Amino acid sequence: MDTIFLIGDAVMVLDDSLEGKVIGFGQHQYIKIETTEGFILEYKPNEIIKVSKEETPIQFNKSVAQVLAEKEPSKKNKAPLIKPSKKEQMIFEVDLHLEKIISGKHQHMSNFDKLSIQLDEAKKAIEFAISKRYQRVVLIHGVGEGVLKSELEFLLNRYENVSIQEANYNRYGLGAMEIYIKQN
């Protein structure tokens, strides 16, 4: 039986320590959620769970495998938890196209206002990634004239533990940069 999600439902992301509420529905059956940090993200229905007030909250310092193992009857021969390899590290993707950031019409805005909104979103995303200890972030800036890209490079050069390179061409084309965050 599939879970039915309604706008306003409290949800948690299964593979990450994110929680929020359903704010809408996207294309291809994606569900838009607003995280408690204020980010708008989209997930497939099988990537999130609905949280009811009667259920005990999941502790985020535990993996999903540990939580599921606690709910199952105990077995004598438990398989060890699999630690993900460095190749399988989570990549935090942020699309900086205006239509992905703000709803409504943005044609009446000046170029400076548009750029400011995009840079603010990028800064929030980097701060979020640092606080959640992500090691890789992909900022999708698009091709355009290169103004946003150069401003992003200027912004990111202010961070000490950050290195920048072009993102994977096969996956993102020319319009994205990959940021590596060296966490202590």
N, C-alpha and C. Protein backbone atom coordinates (compact mmCIF):
# COMPACT_ATOMS: atom_id res chain seq x y z
N MET A 1 0.84 -1.19 0.00
CA MET A 1 0.00 0.00 0.00
C MET A 1 0.88 1.24 0.00
N ASP A 2 0.68 2.12 -0.97
CA ASP A 2 1.47 3.34 -1.07
C ASP A 2 0.97 4.38 -0.08
N THR A 3 1.89 5.13 0.46
CA THR A 3 1.54 6.21 1.37
C THR A 3 1.06 7.40 0.55
N ILE A 4 0.00 8.01 1.01
CA ILE A 4 -0.53 9.20 0.35
C ILE A 4 -0.03 10.41 1.11
N PHE A 5 0.61 11.34 0.40
CA PHE A 5 1.14 12.54 1.02
C PHE A 5 0.24 13.71 0.68
N LEU A 6 -0.03 14.51 1.69
CA LEU A 6 -0.84 15.70 1.52
C LEU A 6 -0.02 16.93 1.88
N ILE A 7 -0.37 18.06 1.32
CA ILE A 7 0.32 19.31 1.65
C ILE A 7 0.16 19.57 3.15
N GLY A 8 1.29 19.85 3.79
CA GLY A 8 1.30 20.10 5.23
C GLY A 8 1.75 18.91 6.05
N ASP A 9 1.85 17.72 5.42
CA ASP A 9 2.32 16.54 6.15
C ASP A 9 3.77 16.72 6.59
N ALA A 10 4.06 16.32 7.82
CA ALA A 10 5.44 16.30 8.30
C ALA A 10 6.10 15.05 7.76
N VAL A 11 7.31 15.21 7.17
CA VAL A 11 8.01 14.08 6.57
C VAL A 11 9.48 14.09 6.96
N MET A 12 10.10 12.91 6.81
CA MET A 12 11.54 12.75 7.01
C MET A 12 12.10 12.09 5.76
N VAL A 13 13.35 12.45 5.41
CA VAL A 13 14.04 11.85 4.28
C VAL A 13 14.73 10.59 4.79
N LEU A 14 14.57 9.49 4.07
CA LEU A 14 15.09 8.22 4.54
C LEU A 14 16.61 8.16 4.57
N ASP A 15 17.28 8.64 3.54
CA ASP A 15 18.73 8.48 3.45
C ASP A 15 19.51 9.69 3.93
N ASP A 16 18.88 10.59 4.66
CA ASP A 16 19.58 11.77 5.14
C ASP A 16 18.90 12.25 6.42
N SER A 17 19.56 13.10 7.14
CA SER A 17 18.99 13.60 8.39
C SER A 17 18.25 14.90 8.12
N LEU A 18 17.28 14.85 7.22
CA LEU A 18 16.47 16.00 6.89
C LEU A 18 15.02 15.72 7.25
N GLU A 19 14.36 16.77 7.71
CA GLU A 19 12.93 16.67 7.94
C GLU A 19 12.30 17.97 7.50
N GLY A 20 11.01 17.91 7.24
CA GLY A 20 10.32 19.10 6.78
C GLY A 20 8.85 18.81 6.60
N LYS A 21 8.22 19.63 5.74
CA LYS A 21 6.80 19.42 5.49
C LYS A 21 6.55 19.49 3.99
N VAL A 22 5.51 18.80 3.55
CA VAL A 22 5.13 18.77 2.15
C VAL A 22 4.52 20.11 1.78
N ILE A 23 5.05 20.73 0.70
CA ILE A 23 4.51 22.02 0.27
C ILE A 23 3.93 21.97 -1.13
N GLY A 24 4.13 20.85 -1.83
CA GLY A 24 3.58 20.76 -3.17
C GLY A 24 4.06 19.50 -3.87
N PHE A 25 3.72 19.43 -5.15
CA PHE A 25 4.05 18.26 -5.93
C PHE A 25 4.67 18.70 -7.25
N GLY A 26 5.76 18.04 -7.65
CA GLY A 26 6.48 18.38 -8.87
C GLY A 26 6.16 17.41 -9.99
N GLN A 27 6.97 17.51 -11.03
CA GLN A 27 6.80 16.63 -12.18
C GLN A 27 7.25 15.22 -11.84
N HIS A 28 6.76 14.27 -12.59
CA HIS A 28 7.15 12.87 -12.48
C HIS A 28 6.91 12.33 -11.07
N GLN A 29 5.83 12.71 -10.44
CA GLN A 29 5.41 12.23 -9.12
C GLN A 29 6.38 12.61 -8.00
N TYR A 30 7.19 13.66 -8.18
CA TYR A 30 8.07 14.11 -7.12
C TYR A 30 7.26 14.92 -6.11
N ILE A 31 7.71 14.87 -4.86
CA ILE A 31 7.04 15.59 -3.78
C ILE A 31 7.97 16.69 -3.32
N LYS A 32 7.47 17.93 -3.29
CA LYS A 32 8.28 19.07 -2.85
C LYS A 32 8.13 19.21 -1.34
N ILE A 33 9.28 19.29 -0.66
CA ILE A 33 9.24 19.52 0.78
C ILE A 33 10.08 20.75 1.10
N GLU A 34 9.68 21.43 2.16
CA GLU A 34 10.47 22.52 2.70
C GLU A 34 11.11 22.00 3.97
N THR A 35 12.44 22.00 4.00
CA THR A 35 13.15 21.46 5.17
C THR A 35 13.05 22.45 6.32
N THR A 36 13.41 21.99 7.51
CA THR A 36 13.38 22.88 8.67
C THR A 36 14.39 24.01 8.53
N GLU A 37 15.39 23.84 7.62
CA GLU A 37 16.38 24.89 7.37
C GLU A 37 15.90 25.87 6.30
N GLY A 38 14.74 25.61 5.69
CA GLY A 38 14.17 26.52 4.72
C GLY A 38 14.47 26.19 3.26
N PHE A 39 15.08 25.04 2.98
CA PHE A 39 15.38 24.66 1.60
C PHE A 39 14.18 23.94 1.00
N ILE A 40 13.94 24.19 -0.28
CA ILE A 40 12.90 23.50 -1.02
C ILE A 40 13.58 22.38 -1.81
N LEU A 41 13.22 21.14 -1.52
CA LEU A 41 13.82 19.98 -2.18
C LEU A 41 12.72 19.08 -2.70
N GLU A 42 13.04 18.26 -3.72
CA GLU A 42 12.08 17.33 -4.27
C GLU A 42 12.57 15.90 -4.07
N TYR A 43 11.65 15.02 -3.70
CA TYR A 43 11.97 13.61 -3.48
C TYR A 43 10.88 12.74 -4.08
N LYS A 44 11.27 11.53 -4.43
CA LYS A 44 10.29 10.54 -4.85
C LYS A 44 9.55 10.06 -3.61
N PRO A 45 8.32 9.57 -3.76
CA PRO A 45 7.56 9.12 -2.58
C PRO A 45 8.26 8.02 -1.79
N ASN A 46 9.06 7.17 -2.45
CA ASN A 46 9.73 6.10 -1.71
C ASN A 46 10.99 6.58 -0.99
N GLU A 47 11.35 7.85 -1.13
CA GLU A 47 12.54 8.39 -0.46
C GLU A 47 12.21 9.14 0.82
N ILE A 48 10.91 9.30 1.11
CA ILE A 48 10.50 10.01 2.33
C ILE A 48 9.45 9.19 3.07
N ILE A 49 9.31 9.50 4.35
CA ILE A 49 8.27 8.86 5.15
C ILE A 49 7.48 9.94 5.87
N LYS A 50 6.21 9.64 6.07
CA LYS A 50 5.34 10.55 6.78
C LYS A 50 5.56 10.35 8.28
N VAL A 51 5.62 11.43 9.03
CA VAL A 51 5.83 11.36 10.46
C VAL A 51 4.53 11.77 11.15
N SER A 52 4.00 10.86 11.97
CA SER A 52 2.81 11.21 12.72
C SER A 52 3.21 11.59 14.13
N LYS A 53 2.36 12.30 14.80
CA LYS A 53 2.69 12.78 16.15
C LYS A 53 2.71 11.65 17.16
N GLU A 54 2.03 10.52 16.87
CA GLU A 54 2.00 9.42 17.82
C GLU A 54 3.29 8.60 17.79
N GLU A 55 4.00 8.63 16.65
CA GLU A 55 5.20 7.82 16.51
C GLU A 55 6.36 8.43 17.29
N THR A 56 7.23 7.59 17.75
CA THR A 56 8.42 8.10 18.43
C THR A 56 9.38 8.64 17.37
N PRO A 57 10.03 9.75 17.63
CA PRO A 57 10.91 10.33 16.62
C PRO A 57 12.14 9.45 16.39
N ILE A 58 12.59 9.45 15.16
CA ILE A 58 13.80 8.70 14.81
C ILE A 58 15.00 9.54 15.22
N GLN A 59 15.97 8.89 15.85
CA GLN A 59 17.18 9.59 16.21
C GLN A 59 18.08 9.67 14.99
N PHE A 60 18.53 10.88 14.65
CA PHE A 60 19.28 11.08 13.43
C PHE A 60 20.70 10.55 13.50
N ASN A 61 21.21 10.28 14.69
CA ASN A 61 22.57 9.76 14.76
C ASN A 61 22.61 8.26 14.48
N LYS A 62 21.48 7.68 14.20
CA LYS A 62 21.41 6.26 13.85
C LYS A 62 21.14 6.16 12.35
N SER A 63 21.65 5.11 11.75
CA SER A 63 21.38 4.91 10.34
C SER A 63 20.00 4.26 10.18
N VAL A 64 19.48 4.31 8.98
CA VAL A 64 18.18 3.69 8.71
C VAL A 64 18.26 2.19 8.96
N ALA A 65 19.40 1.57 8.62
CA ALA A 65 19.57 0.13 8.84
C ALA A 65 19.47 -0.21 10.33
N GLN A 66 20.04 0.64 11.19
CA GLN A 66 19.96 0.39 12.63
C GLN A 66 18.53 0.50 13.13
N VAL A 67 17.81 1.52 12.65
CA VAL A 67 16.43 1.72 13.09
C VAL A 67 15.57 0.52 12.66
N LEU A 68 15.75 0.08 11.40
CA LEU A 68 14.98 -1.07 10.92
C LEU A 68 15.37 -2.34 11.68
N ALA A 69 16.65 -2.48 12.02
CA ALA A 69 17.11 -3.65 12.76
C ALA A 69 16.50 -3.69 14.15
N GLU A 70 16.29 -2.55 14.78
CA GLU A 70 15.68 -2.51 16.10
C GLU A 70 14.22 -2.95 16.06
N LYS A 71 13.55 -2.68 14.94
CA LYS A 71 12.13 -3.02 14.84
C LYS A 71 11.91 -4.49 14.51
N GLU A 72 12.90 -5.16 13.92
CA GLU A 72 12.77 -6.57 13.58
C GLU A 72 13.11 -7.43 14.79
N PRO A 73 12.54 -8.65 14.85
CA PRO A 73 12.89 -9.54 15.95
C PRO A 73 14.38 -9.87 15.89
N SER A 74 14.98 -10.06 17.04
CA SER A 74 16.43 -10.28 17.09
C SER A 74 16.80 -11.61 16.44
N LYS A 75 17.91 -11.61 15.75
CA LYS A 75 18.44 -12.80 15.11
C LYS A 75 19.83 -13.04 15.67
N LYS A 76 20.25 -14.29 15.72
CA LYS A 76 21.56 -14.60 16.29
C LYS A 76 22.69 -14.14 15.39
N ASN A 77 22.58 -14.36 14.08
CA ASN A 77 23.65 -14.01 13.16
C ASN A 77 23.28 -12.73 12.41
N LYS A 78 23.64 -11.60 12.97
CA LYS A 78 23.34 -10.34 12.31
C LYS A 78 24.47 -10.00 11.35
N ALA A 79 24.09 -9.51 10.19
CA ALA A 79 25.10 -9.09 9.21
C ALA A 79 25.64 -7.73 9.65
N PRO A 80 26.93 -7.49 9.44
CA PRO A 80 27.50 -6.20 9.82
C PRO A 80 26.95 -5.09 8.94
N LEU A 81 26.88 -3.89 9.50
CA LEU A 81 26.43 -2.74 8.73
C LEU A 81 27.49 -2.40 7.69
N ILE A 82 27.02 -2.06 6.51
CA ILE A 82 27.94 -1.76 5.42
C ILE A 82 28.26 -0.28 5.44
N LYS A 83 29.53 0.04 5.52
CA LYS A 83 29.98 1.42 5.49
C LYS A 83 30.14 1.84 4.03
N PRO A 84 29.51 2.96 3.62
CA PRO A 84 29.63 3.35 2.22
C PRO A 84 31.07 3.73 1.87
N SER A 85 31.46 3.40 0.64
CA SER A 85 32.81 3.74 0.21
C SER A 85 32.88 5.21 -0.14
N LYS A 86 34.09 5.70 -0.33
CA LYS A 86 34.25 7.11 -0.67
C LYS A 86 33.64 7.43 -2.02
N LYS A 87 33.55 6.45 -2.91
CA LYS A 87 32.95 6.68 -4.22
C LYS A 87 31.45 6.94 -4.10
N GLU A 88 30.83 6.43 -3.04
CA GLU A 88 29.39 6.54 -2.88
C GLU A 88 28.99 7.74 -2.01
N GLN A 89 29.89 8.70 -1.83
CA GLN A 89 29.58 9.84 -0.99
C GLN A 89 28.40 10.62 -1.57
N MET A 90 27.61 11.16 -0.68
CA MET A 90 26.43 11.91 -1.09
C MET A 90 26.85 13.23 -1.73
N ILE A 91 26.26 13.55 -2.85
CA ILE A 91 26.51 14.83 -3.51
C ILE A 91 25.27 15.68 -3.32
N PHE A 92 25.47 16.87 -2.79
CA PHE A 92 24.38 17.81 -2.57
C PHE A 92 24.29 18.71 -3.80
N GLU A 93 23.20 18.59 -4.56
CA GLU A 93 23.01 19.36 -5.78
C GLU A 93 22.09 20.54 -5.51
N VAL A 94 22.49 21.71 -6.01
CA VAL A 94 21.67 22.92 -5.86
C VAL A 94 21.53 23.56 -7.23
N ASP A 95 20.29 23.66 -7.71
CA ASP A 95 20.01 24.29 -8.99
C ASP A 95 19.76 25.77 -8.74
N LEU A 96 20.57 26.63 -9.33
CA LEU A 96 20.47 28.07 -9.10
C LEU A 96 19.68 28.80 -10.18
N HIS A 97 19.00 28.07 -11.04
CA HIS A 97 18.13 28.74 -12.01
C HIS A 97 16.98 29.42 -11.24
N LEU A 98 16.65 30.64 -11.63
CA LEU A 98 15.67 31.43 -10.87
C LEU A 98 14.33 30.73 -10.73
N GLU A 99 13.87 30.05 -11.78
CA GLU A 99 12.57 29.39 -11.71
C GLU A 99 12.56 28.26 -10.69
N LYS A 100 13.75 27.75 -10.31
CA LYS A 100 13.84 26.72 -9.28
C LYS A 100 13.90 27.32 -7.87
N ILE A 101 14.30 28.59 -7.78
CA ILE A 101 14.47 29.23 -6.47
C ILE A 101 13.21 29.96 -6.03
N ILE A 102 12.66 30.78 -6.93
CA ILE A 102 11.49 31.58 -6.55
C ILE A 102 10.31 31.21 -7.43
N SER A 103 9.14 31.28 -6.84
CA SER A 103 7.94 31.01 -7.62
C SER A 103 7.38 32.35 -8.09
N GLY A 104 6.63 32.30 -9.13
CA GLY A 104 6.07 33.53 -9.65
C GLY A 104 6.93 34.11 -10.75
N LYS A 105 6.56 35.31 -11.18
CA LYS A 105 7.26 35.92 -12.30
C LYS A 105 8.46 36.70 -11.79
N HIS A 106 9.58 36.50 -12.47
CA HIS A 106 10.79 37.22 -12.11
C HIS A 106 11.29 38.08 -13.27
N GLN A 107 10.47 38.22 -14.34
CA GLN A 107 10.89 39.01 -15.49
C GLN A 107 10.98 40.50 -15.16
N HIS A 108 10.18 40.95 -14.20
CA HIS A 108 10.18 42.37 -13.84
C HIS A 108 11.35 42.76 -12.94
N MET A 109 12.12 41.79 -12.49
CA MET A 109 13.24 42.05 -11.59
C MET A 109 14.46 42.52 -12.38
N SER A 110 15.30 43.32 -11.74
CA SER A 110 16.54 43.75 -12.39
C SER A 110 17.53 42.59 -12.37
N ASN A 111 18.54 42.68 -13.23
CA ASN A 111 19.57 41.64 -13.27
C ASN A 111 20.31 41.56 -11.94
N PHE A 112 20.52 42.70 -11.30
CA PHE A 112 21.19 42.72 -10.01
C PHE A 112 20.38 41.96 -8.96
N ASP A 113 19.06 42.17 -8.94
CA ASP A 113 18.20 41.48 -7.98
C ASP A 113 18.21 39.97 -8.23
N LYS A 114 18.16 39.58 -9.49
CA LYS A 114 18.19 38.16 -9.83
C LYS A 114 19.50 37.52 -9.38
N LEU A 115 20.61 38.20 -9.65
CA LEU A 115 21.93 37.69 -9.27
C LEU A 115 22.05 37.60 -7.75
N SER A 116 21.52 38.60 -7.05
CA SER A 116 21.58 38.60 -5.58
C SER A 116 20.83 37.42 -5.00
N ILE A 117 19.66 37.12 -5.55
CA ILE A 117 18.87 35.98 -5.08
C ILE A 117 19.64 34.68 -5.31
N GLN A 118 20.25 34.53 -6.47
CA GLN A 118 20.99 33.32 -6.79
C GLN A 118 22.21 33.17 -5.88
N LEU A 119 22.92 34.26 -5.63
CA LEU A 119 24.10 34.20 -4.76
C LEU A 119 23.71 33.91 -3.31
N ASP A 120 22.60 34.48 -2.86
CA ASP A 120 22.11 34.19 -1.50
C ASP A 120 21.76 32.71 -1.37
N GLU A 121 21.13 32.16 -2.39
CA GLU A 121 20.76 30.74 -2.37
C GLU A 121 22.02 29.87 -2.34
N ALA A 122 23.02 30.25 -3.12
CA ALA A 122 24.28 29.50 -3.14
C ALA A 122 24.97 29.57 -1.78
N LYS A 123 24.99 30.75 -1.17
CA LYS A 123 25.63 30.90 0.14
C LYS A 123 24.91 30.07 1.19
N LYS A 124 23.55 30.10 1.18
CA LYS A 124 22.79 29.28 2.12
C LYS A 124 23.09 27.80 1.92
N ALA A 125 23.21 27.38 0.66
CA ALA A 125 23.47 25.98 0.36
C ALA A 125 24.86 25.56 0.85
N ILE A 126 25.85 26.41 0.67
CA ILE A 126 27.20 26.08 1.12
C ILE A 126 27.25 26.03 2.65
N GLU A 127 26.62 26.99 3.31
CA GLU A 127 26.58 26.98 4.78
C GLU A 127 25.85 25.73 5.29
N PHE A 128 24.77 25.37 4.62
CA PHE A 128 24.02 24.17 4.98
C PHE A 128 24.90 22.93 4.81
N ALA A 129 25.61 22.85 3.68
CA ALA A 129 26.47 21.69 3.41
C ALA A 129 27.58 21.59 4.44
N ILE A 130 28.15 22.71 4.83
CA ILE A 130 29.20 22.70 5.84
C ILE A 130 28.63 22.25 7.18
N SER A 131 27.45 22.75 7.53
CA SER A 131 26.85 22.37 8.83
C SER A 131 26.45 20.90 8.86
N LYS A 132 26.06 20.33 7.73
CA LYS A 132 25.65 18.93 7.66
C LYS A 132 26.82 18.02 7.27
N ARG A 133 28.01 18.59 7.15
CA ARG A 133 29.26 17.86 6.88
C ARG A 133 29.26 17.15 5.53
N TYR A 134 28.61 17.75 4.53
CA TYR A 134 28.73 17.24 3.17
C TYR A 134 30.14 17.55 2.68
N GLN A 135 30.67 16.66 1.87
CA GLN A 135 32.00 16.90 1.33
C GLN A 135 31.96 17.39 -0.10
N ARG A 136 30.86 17.17 -0.79
CA ARG A 136 30.75 17.59 -2.19
C ARG A 136 29.42 18.28 -2.42
N VAL A 137 29.49 19.41 -3.12
CA VAL A 137 28.29 20.17 -3.49
C VAL A 137 28.42 20.51 -4.97
N VAL A 138 27.34 20.35 -5.71
CA VAL A 138 27.32 20.75 -7.11
C VAL A 138 26.35 21.93 -7.22
N LEU A 139 26.88 23.04 -7.71
CA LEU A 139 26.05 24.22 -7.96
C LEU A 139 25.79 24.28 -9.46
N ILE A 140 24.51 24.16 -9.83
CA ILE A 140 24.12 24.20 -11.24
C ILE A 140 23.77 25.65 -11.56
N HIS A 141 24.64 26.32 -12.32
CA HIS A 141 24.47 27.74 -12.59
C HIS A 141 24.01 28.03 -14.00
N GLY A 142 24.09 27.05 -14.88
CA GLY A 142 23.70 27.27 -16.27
C GLY A 142 24.85 27.85 -17.07
N VAL A 143 24.66 27.95 -18.38
CA VAL A 143 25.75 28.42 -19.24
C VAL A 143 25.74 29.94 -19.32
N GLY A 144 24.74 30.54 -19.90
CA GLY A 144 24.60 32.00 -19.94
C GLY A 144 25.84 32.74 -20.36
N GLU A 145 26.01 33.96 -19.81
CA GLU A 145 27.15 34.81 -20.14
C GLU A 145 28.30 34.63 -19.17
N GLY A 146 28.13 33.85 -18.12
CA GLY A 146 29.21 33.58 -17.18
C GLY A 146 29.28 34.51 -15.99
N VAL A 147 28.32 35.42 -15.86
CA VAL A 147 28.34 36.37 -14.74
C VAL A 147 28.12 35.64 -13.42
N LEU A 148 27.11 34.78 -13.36
CA LEU A 148 26.83 34.05 -12.13
C LEU A 148 28.01 33.15 -11.77
N LYS A 149 28.58 32.49 -12.76
CA LYS A 149 29.71 31.60 -12.51
C LYS A 149 30.88 32.36 -11.89
N SER A 150 31.22 33.52 -12.44
CA SER A 150 32.34 34.28 -11.90
C SER A 150 32.03 34.82 -10.51
N GLU A 151 30.80 35.21 -10.26
CA GLU A 151 30.42 35.68 -8.92
C GLU A 151 30.45 34.54 -7.91
N LEU A 152 30.05 33.35 -8.35
CA LEU A 152 30.12 32.18 -7.47
C LEU A 152 31.57 31.86 -7.10
N GLU A 153 32.46 31.93 -8.09
CA GLU A 153 33.88 31.68 -7.82
C GLU A 153 34.42 32.69 -6.82
N PHE A 154 34.03 33.97 -6.98
CA PHE A 154 34.46 35.01 -6.04
C PHE A 154 33.93 34.71 -4.64
N LEU A 155 32.66 34.32 -4.54
CA LEU A 155 32.05 34.00 -3.25
C LEU A 155 32.75 32.81 -2.60
N LEU A 156 32.99 31.77 -3.38
CA LEU A 156 33.56 30.54 -2.83
C LEU A 156 35.03 30.70 -2.44
N ASN A 157 35.74 31.62 -3.04
CA ASN A 157 37.14 31.86 -2.68
C ASN A 157 37.27 32.46 -1.28
N ARG A 158 36.18 32.93 -0.70
CA ARG A 158 36.20 33.45 0.67
C ARG A 158 36.28 32.34 1.71
N TYR A 159 35.89 31.13 1.32
CA TYR A 159 35.91 30.00 2.24
C TYR A 159 37.30 29.36 2.21
N GLU A 160 37.82 29.05 3.39
CA GLU A 160 39.18 28.50 3.49
C GLU A 160 39.26 27.04 3.06
N ASN A 161 38.33 26.22 3.48
CA ASN A 161 38.40 24.78 3.25
C ASN A 161 37.60 24.32 2.05
N VAL A 162 37.57 25.12 1.00
CA VAL A 162 36.75 24.82 -0.17
C VAL A 162 37.62 24.85 -1.41
N SER A 163 37.47 23.84 -2.27
CA SER A 163 38.12 23.88 -3.58
C SER A 163 37.04 23.70 -4.65
N ILE A 164 37.28 24.31 -5.81
CA ILE A 164 36.27 24.38 -6.87
C ILE A 164 36.84 23.73 -8.13
N GLN A 165 35.97 23.03 -8.86
CA GLN A 165 36.34 22.54 -10.19
C GLN A 165 35.07 22.39 -11.01
N GLU A 166 35.23 22.20 -12.30
CA GLU A 166 34.09 21.98 -13.17
C GLU A 166 33.42 20.66 -12.79
N ALA A 167 32.11 20.63 -12.81
CA ALA A 167 31.38 19.40 -12.48
C ALA A 167 31.47 18.42 -13.66
N ASN A 168 31.08 17.19 -13.42
CA ASN A 168 31.12 16.13 -14.42
C ASN A 168 30.37 16.56 -15.68
N TYR A 169 31.09 16.65 -16.79
CA TYR A 169 30.50 17.12 -18.05
C TYR A 169 29.41 16.19 -18.54
N ASN A 170 29.61 14.88 -18.41
CA ASN A 170 28.62 13.91 -18.89
C ASN A 170 27.30 14.06 -18.17
N ARG A 171 27.35 14.46 -16.91
CA ARG A 171 26.12 14.57 -16.13
C ARG A 171 25.52 15.97 -16.16
N TYR A 172 26.36 17.02 -16.11
CA TYR A 172 25.86 18.38 -15.95
C TYR A 172 26.12 19.29 -17.15
N GLY A 173 26.94 18.87 -18.09
CA GLY A 173 27.30 19.76 -19.19
C GLY A 173 28.26 20.83 -18.71
N LEU A 174 28.21 21.99 -19.36
CA LEU A 174 29.13 23.08 -19.00
C LEU A 174 28.60 23.99 -17.90
N GLY A 175 27.36 23.82 -17.49
CA GLY A 175 26.73 24.78 -16.59
C GLY A 175 26.73 24.43 -15.13
N ALA A 176 27.80 23.79 -14.62
CA ALA A 176 27.81 23.45 -13.20
C ALA A 176 29.23 23.41 -12.67
N MET A 177 29.37 23.66 -11.37
CA MET A 177 30.67 23.56 -10.72
C MET A 177 30.54 22.67 -9.51
N GLU A 178 31.62 21.93 -9.23
CA GLU A 178 31.63 21.02 -8.09
C GLU A 178 32.54 21.60 -7.02
N ILE A 179 32.03 21.64 -5.80
CA ILE A 179 32.76 22.20 -4.67
C ILE A 179 33.10 21.07 -3.72
N TYR A 180 34.36 20.98 -3.35
CA TYR A 180 34.82 20.01 -2.36
C TYR A 180 35.05 20.75 -1.05
N ILE A 181 34.44 20.26 0.01
CA ILE A 181 34.57 20.89 1.32
C ILE A 181 35.43 19.98 2.18
N LYS A 182 36.56 20.51 2.63
CA LYS A 182 37.45 19.74 3.49
C LYS A 182 36.97 19.93 4.92
N GLN A 183 36.33 18.89 5.47
CA GLN A 183 35.79 18.94 6.83
C GLN A 183 36.86 18.51 7.83
N ASN A 184 36.86 19.11 9.00
CA ASN A 184 37.80 18.73 10.06
C ASN A 184 37.35 17.45 10.72
